[in-house]
Protein backbone atom coordinates (compact mmCIF):
# COMPACT_ATOMS: atom_id res chain seq x y z
CA MET A 1 -1.53 1.18 38.49
CA LYS A 2 0.75 2.22 41.34
CA GLN A 3 4.20 3.66 41.88
CA LEU A 4 6.04 0.99 43.82
CA LYS A 5 9.34 0.22 45.47
CA VAL A 6 10.13 -3.36 44.50
CA LYS A 7 12.99 -5.68 45.37
CA VAL A 8 15.24 -7.33 42.81
CA ILE A 9 15.23 -11.08 43.38
CA GLU A 10 17.40 -11.94 40.39
CA ASN A 11 19.08 -10.14 37.50
CA ARG A 12 20.49 -12.80 35.22
CA ARG A 13 22.39 -12.49 31.95
CA LEU A 14 20.77 -14.74 29.34
CA ALA A 15 23.02 -13.98 26.39
CA ARG A 16 25.29 -11.17 25.29
CA GLY A 17 23.36 -7.97 25.93
CA PHE A 18 20.18 -9.70 27.17
CA TYR A 19 19.04 -9.91 30.80
CA LYS A 20 16.10 -11.23 32.77
CA MET A 21 15.15 -9.54 36.04
CA ARG A 22 12.81 -10.99 38.65
CA LEU A 23 11.00 -8.43 40.81
CA SER A 24 9.19 -9.04 44.07
CA SER A 25 5.78 -7.34 44.29
CA ALA A 26 2.50 -8.88 45.42
CA TYR A 27 0.65 -5.99 43.79
CA LEU A 28 2.22 -6.56 40.35
CA ALA A 29 1.67 -10.32 40.66
CA LYS A 30 -2.03 -9.78 41.31
CA HIS A 31 -2.79 -7.03 38.81
CA SER A 32 -0.49 -7.63 35.82
CA ARG A 33 -1.84 -9.17 32.62
CA PRO A 34 -0.11 -10.54 29.49
CA GLY A 35 0.74 -7.66 27.17
CA GLN A 36 1.00 -4.98 29.86
CA PHE A 37 4.23 -3.25 30.86
CA VAL A 38 5.92 -1.38 33.70
CA GLU A 39 7.93 1.84 33.70
CA VAL A 40 11.24 1.37 35.51
CA LYS A 41 13.51 4.05 36.91
CA CYS A 42 16.91 2.72 35.92
CA SER A 43 19.27 4.92 37.94
CA CYS A 44 19.39 7.62 40.60
CA ASP A 45 22.37 9.61 39.30
CA GLY A 46 20.56 11.51 36.55
CA GLU A 47 22.29 9.60 33.74
CA ALA A 48 18.98 8.03 32.69
CA LEU A 49 16.36 10.65 33.45
CA LEU A 50 13.39 8.96 31.77
CA ARG A 51 11.94 5.66 32.89
CA ARG A 52 12.23 2.63 30.61
CA PRO A 53 9.12 0.69 29.54
CA LEU A 54 9.59 -3.06 30.01
CA GLY A 55 6.98 -5.63 29.08
CA VAL A 56 5.72 -8.11 31.65
CA HIS A 57 7.66 -11.22 30.67
CA ARG A 58 6.33 -13.63 33.27
CA ILE A 59 4.01 -13.44 36.26
CA TRP A 60 4.85 -15.51 39.32
CA SER A 61 3.19 -15.83 42.71
CA GLY A 62 5.33 -13.11 44.29
CA GLY A 63 5.82 -10.66 41.44
CA ILE A 64 6.86 -10.40 37.80
CA GLU A 65 9.84 -10.89 35.52
CA VAL A 66 11.02 -8.50 32.82
CA LEU A 67 13.25 -9.29 29.86
CA TYR A 68 15.41 -6.51 28.44
CA GLU A 69 18.27 -5.75 26.10
CA VAL A 70 21.10 -3.38 26.97
CA VAL A 71 20.85 -0.65 24.34
CA GLY A 72 21.72 2.57 26.19
CA LYS A 73 22.59 4.19 29.51
CA GLY A 74 19.31 3.27 31.19
CA THR A 75 19.36 -0.44 30.45
CA LYS A 76 23.11 -0.57 31.07
CA ALA A 77 22.50 0.79 34.56
CA LEU A 78 19.70 -1.72 35.02
CA SER A 79 21.99 -4.59 34.04
CA SER A 80 24.24 -3.84 37.03
CA GLY A 81 21.37 -4.38 39.47
CA LYS A 82 21.88 -7.03 42.14
CA ARG A 83 19.72 -9.19 44.36
CA GLY A 84 18.28 -7.10 47.17
CA ASP A 85 18.40 -3.82 45.27
CA SER A 86 15.30 -1.62 45.33
CA LEU A 87 13.75 -0.30 42.12
CA ASP A 88 11.19 2.45 41.57
CA VAL A 89 8.51 0.99 39.26
CA ILE A 90 5.17 2.25 37.95
CA GLY A 91 2.68 -0.34 36.77
CA PRO A 92 1.07 -2.35 35.51
CA LEU A 93 0.35 -0.09 32.54
CA GLY A 94 -1.37 -0.31 29.18
CA LYS A 95 -3.85 -2.61 27.54
CA GLY A 96 -2.88 -6.25 27.27
CA PHE A 97 -3.94 -9.12 25.04
CA THR A 98 -7.59 -10.11 24.83
CA LEU A 99 -7.98 -13.87 25.06
CA SER A 100 -10.65 -15.52 22.95
CA ALA A 101 -13.53 -17.17 24.75
CA GLY A 102 -13.35 -20.94 24.83
CA VAL A 103 -10.58 -23.15 23.51
CA LYS A 104 -9.14 -21.55 20.39
CA PRO A 105 -5.77 -22.41 18.80
CA ALA A 106 -3.21 -19.63 19.00
CA LEU A 107 -0.40 -18.63 16.68
CA ILE A 108 2.30 -16.62 18.44
CA VAL A 109 4.74 -14.64 16.29
CA ALA A 110 7.78 -13.07 17.98
CA GLY A 111 10.42 -10.94 16.32
CA GLY A 112 13.60 -10.30 18.31
CA MET A 113 12.75 -8.78 21.68
CA GLY A 114 9.10 -9.28 20.80
CA VAL A 115 9.31 -12.52 22.79
CA ALA A 116 9.29 -10.46 26.00
CA PRO A 117 5.49 -10.17 26.50
CA LEU A 118 4.61 -13.30 24.52
CA LEU A 119 6.00 -15.85 26.97
CA CYS A 120 3.64 -14.49 29.60
CA LEU A 121 0.80 -14.87 27.10
CA ALA A 122 1.84 -18.45 26.27
CA GLU A 123 1.82 -19.33 29.97
CA LYS A 124 -1.70 -17.93 30.32
CA LEU A 125 -2.88 -19.89 27.28
CA ALA A 126 -1.20 -23.08 28.50
CA ALA A 127 -2.97 -22.70 31.84
CA GLY A 128 -6.21 -22.77 29.84
CA LYS A 129 -5.19 -26.01 28.10
CA ILE A 130 -4.16 -24.23 24.89
CA ARG A 131 -0.74 -25.10 23.44
CA PRO A 132 0.22 -22.28 21.06
CA TYR A 133 2.14 -22.70 17.82
CA VAL A 134 5.10 -20.36 18.38
CA MET A 135 7.28 -18.77 15.69
CA ILE A 136 10.43 -16.92 16.77
CA GLY A 137 12.54 -14.83 14.42
CA ALA A 138 15.80 -12.89 14.77
CA LYS A 139 18.78 -11.76 12.74
CA THR A 140 21.06 -14.50 14.05
CA ALA A 141 21.05 -17.52 16.40
CA SER A 142 22.52 -15.56 19.31
CA ARG A 143 19.44 -13.34 19.35
CA ILE A 144 16.89 -16.17 19.53
CA LEU A 145 15.41 -16.02 23.03
CA CYS A 146 13.04 -18.15 25.11
CA GLU A 147 12.88 -21.13 22.75
CA LYS A 148 13.36 -23.59 25.63
CA GLU A 149 10.83 -21.80 27.82
CA PHE A 150 8.12 -22.03 25.17
CA LYS A 151 8.87 -25.72 24.61
CA LYS A 152 8.59 -26.41 28.36
CA LEU A 153 5.02 -25.13 28.15
CA GLY A 154 4.27 -27.72 25.49
CA CYS A 155 4.27 -25.23 22.62
CA PHE A 156 5.25 -26.31 19.13
CA VAL A 157 8.14 -23.97 18.30
CA THR A 158 9.77 -23.08 14.98
CA VAL A 159 12.63 -20.65 14.46
CA ALA A 160 13.85 -18.47 11.59
CA THR A 161 17.05 -16.45 11.36
CA GLU A 162 17.94 -13.99 8.64
CA ASP A 163 21.46 -15.42 8.29
CA GLY A 164 20.36 -19.06 8.49
CA SER A 165 22.45 -19.76 11.61
CA LYS A 166 19.48 -21.42 13.34
CA GLY A 167 16.22 -22.87 12.06
CA SER A 168 14.95 -21.75 8.67
CA LYS A 169 16.80 -19.06 6.78
CA GLY A 170 14.54 -16.06 6.29
CA LEU A 171 11.97 -14.06 8.20
CA VAL A 172 9.58 -15.18 10.90
CA THR A 173 6.74 -14.01 8.65
CA ASP A 174 7.78 -16.73 6.17
CA LEU A 175 7.04 -19.28 8.88
CA LEU A 176 3.65 -17.73 9.54
CA ARG A 177 2.75 -17.61 5.87
CA ASN A 178 3.40 -21.36 5.60
CA THR A 179 1.32 -22.47 8.59
CA PRO A 180 -1.74 -24.61 7.71
CA ALA A 181 -4.12 -21.91 9.01
CA CYS A 182 -2.69 -19.28 6.65
CA ARG A 183 -2.43 -21.63 3.68
CA ARG A 184 -5.93 -23.04 3.94
CA GLY A 185 -7.91 -20.02 5.13
CA GLY A 186 -11.68 -20.28 5.45
CA GLN A 187 -13.21 -21.95 8.50
CA TYR A 188 -9.84 -23.48 9.38
CA ALA A 189 -8.36 -20.00 9.70
CA ILE A 190 -11.03 -18.27 11.77
CA ARG A 191 -10.69 -20.92 14.46
CA ASN A 192 -7.23 -19.48 15.17
CA THR A 193 -5.96 -16.20 16.61
CA ILE A 194 -2.59 -14.59 15.88
CA TYR A 195 -0.73 -12.76 18.64
CA ALA A 196 2.40 -10.88 17.55
CA CYS A 197 5.08 -8.59 18.91
CA GLY A 198 8.18 -7.26 17.20
CA PRO A 199 9.47 -4.46 14.99
CA HIS A 200 6.98 -2.38 13.00
CA PRO A 201 7.78 -3.87 9.53
CA MET A 202 7.27 -7.37 10.92
CA LEU A 203 3.94 -6.47 12.53
CA LYS A 204 2.80 -4.86 9.29
CA ALA A 205 3.59 -8.05 7.38
CA VAL A 206 1.89 -10.20 10.03
CA SER A 207 -1.20 -7.99 9.83
CA HIS A 208 -1.40 -8.35 6.05
CA ILE A 209 -0.98 -12.14 6.23
CA ALA A 210 -3.68 -12.38 8.89
CA ASP A 211 -6.04 -10.17 6.91
CA SER A 212 -5.57 -12.09 3.67
CA SER A 213 -6.09 -15.39 5.52
CA GLY A 214 -9.10 -14.23 7.52
CA ILE A 215 -7.43 -14.81 10.88
CA PRO A 216 -8.08 -12.46 13.83
CA CYS A 217 -4.83 -10.80 14.88
CA GLN A 218 -3.62 -8.79 17.85
CA VAL A 219 -0.31 -6.91 17.73
CA SER A 220 1.77 -5.46 20.55
CA MET A 221 3.38 -2.28 19.24
CA GLU A 222 6.98 -1.38 20.06
CA GLU A 223 7.37 2.37 20.58
CA ARG A 224 9.36 4.71 22.82
CA MET A 225 7.09 5.39 25.79
CA ALA A 226 8.41 8.07 28.11
CA CYS A 227 5.55 8.60 30.55
CA GLY A 228 3.53 5.40 30.13
CA VAL A 229 0.15 7.05 30.70
CA GLY A 230 -0.48 9.11 27.55
CA VAL A 231 0.44 12.51 29.01
CA CYS A 232 3.61 13.28 27.05
CA MET A 233 1.99 12.30 23.70
CA GLY A 234 5.31 10.79 22.62
CA CYS A 235 4.14 7.43 21.29
CA PRO A 236 1.39 8.08 18.71
CA VAL A 237 0.23 5.38 16.32
CA LYS A 238 -1.92 6.10 13.27
CA VAL A 239 -5.23 4.23 13.33
CA HIS A 240 -8.38 4.07 11.28
CA LYS A 241 -10.97 6.44 12.67
CA THR A 242 -13.67 4.76 14.72
CA SER A 243 -15.52 7.86 15.93
CA THR A 244 -16.69 11.26 14.71
CA GLN A 245 -14.41 13.08 17.14
CA TYR A 246 -12.19 14.43 14.36
CA ALA A 247 -14.77 14.66 11.59
CA ILE A 248 -14.05 18.36 11.18
CA LEU A 249 -10.57 17.44 9.94
CA ASN A 250 -12.10 15.50 7.05
CA THR A 251 -9.76 12.54 7.45
CA GLN A 252 -10.29 8.83 7.85
CA TYR A 253 -7.46 8.53 10.36
CA GLU A 254 -6.73 9.54 13.92
CA TYR A 255 -3.95 8.88 16.43
CA LYS A 256 -3.87 6.87 19.61
CA MET A 257 -1.15 6.56 22.23
CA VAL A 258 0.62 3.21 22.34
CA CYS A 259 1.19 3.43 26.10
CA LYS A 260 -2.41 4.28 27.07
CA ASP A 261 -4.56 2.83 24.27
CA GLY A 262 -2.21 -0.11 23.66
CA PRO A 263 0.40 -1.45 23.45
CA VAL A 264 -1.87 -4.22 22.19
CA PHE A 265 -4.19 -3.36 19.29
CA ASP A 266 -6.42 -5.25 16.91
CA ALA A 267 -4.24 -5.40 13.79
CA LYS A 268 -7.11 -4.13 11.62
CA GLU A 269 -7.24 -0.94 13.67
CA ILE A 270 -3.73 0.16 12.70
CA ALA A 271 -3.28 2.30 9.56
CA TRP A 272 -0.14 0.55 8.36
């Protein structure tokens, strides 16, 4: 992890409110892993005091790309960035995805902006001759992102929208529930791994489907992360206790910080 001054190579509008920014940094290119994130200082005028956590969307030879949605003053300021601008970035941060040893089929489940770190993961898997089965969900067709990019990697992609404007009408978890691995279970299931990112209710549902089907599952949690290193204690997630550190409290739960201990967790670890 380093605090860096990086150059903006591209800041492109993908759809209404969604942007992809390419950043030049040999350090980030070398040290970033799928599932990690960077903390970006969005402006210098004090309007957006706190940095914004942005997942590593893609890793290229000269740096990384981040995908973001304009939701407030910080990301609005970021959207006005131009080629050649300099950004203050801290990263890479957090714990990324753990890839299974050997060739193992992967099920990728993305809800909304949850696609951001999962494309990077799909590229890593594809480089290892694994073509993931990708499920993308959103409220409406205009919010479905990266479908073409996943397909270019050779992934089999299905889409669900809540309003039925694209793909199947319903939730992305409906797609997951109907995959052969989840329907059949047993030995067929444990040969797969689920990787998911999206809103908390979606991740909770994915975790329950994975557990009932006997499929290992990793989830990337979406939380507000102000500092990115666990100092501010602003992004706690409730987990099942794995040590005796808090035995005196007589509870089976403890808390971890999404930014430092995650954002990727084993789904079974989370106390949903």
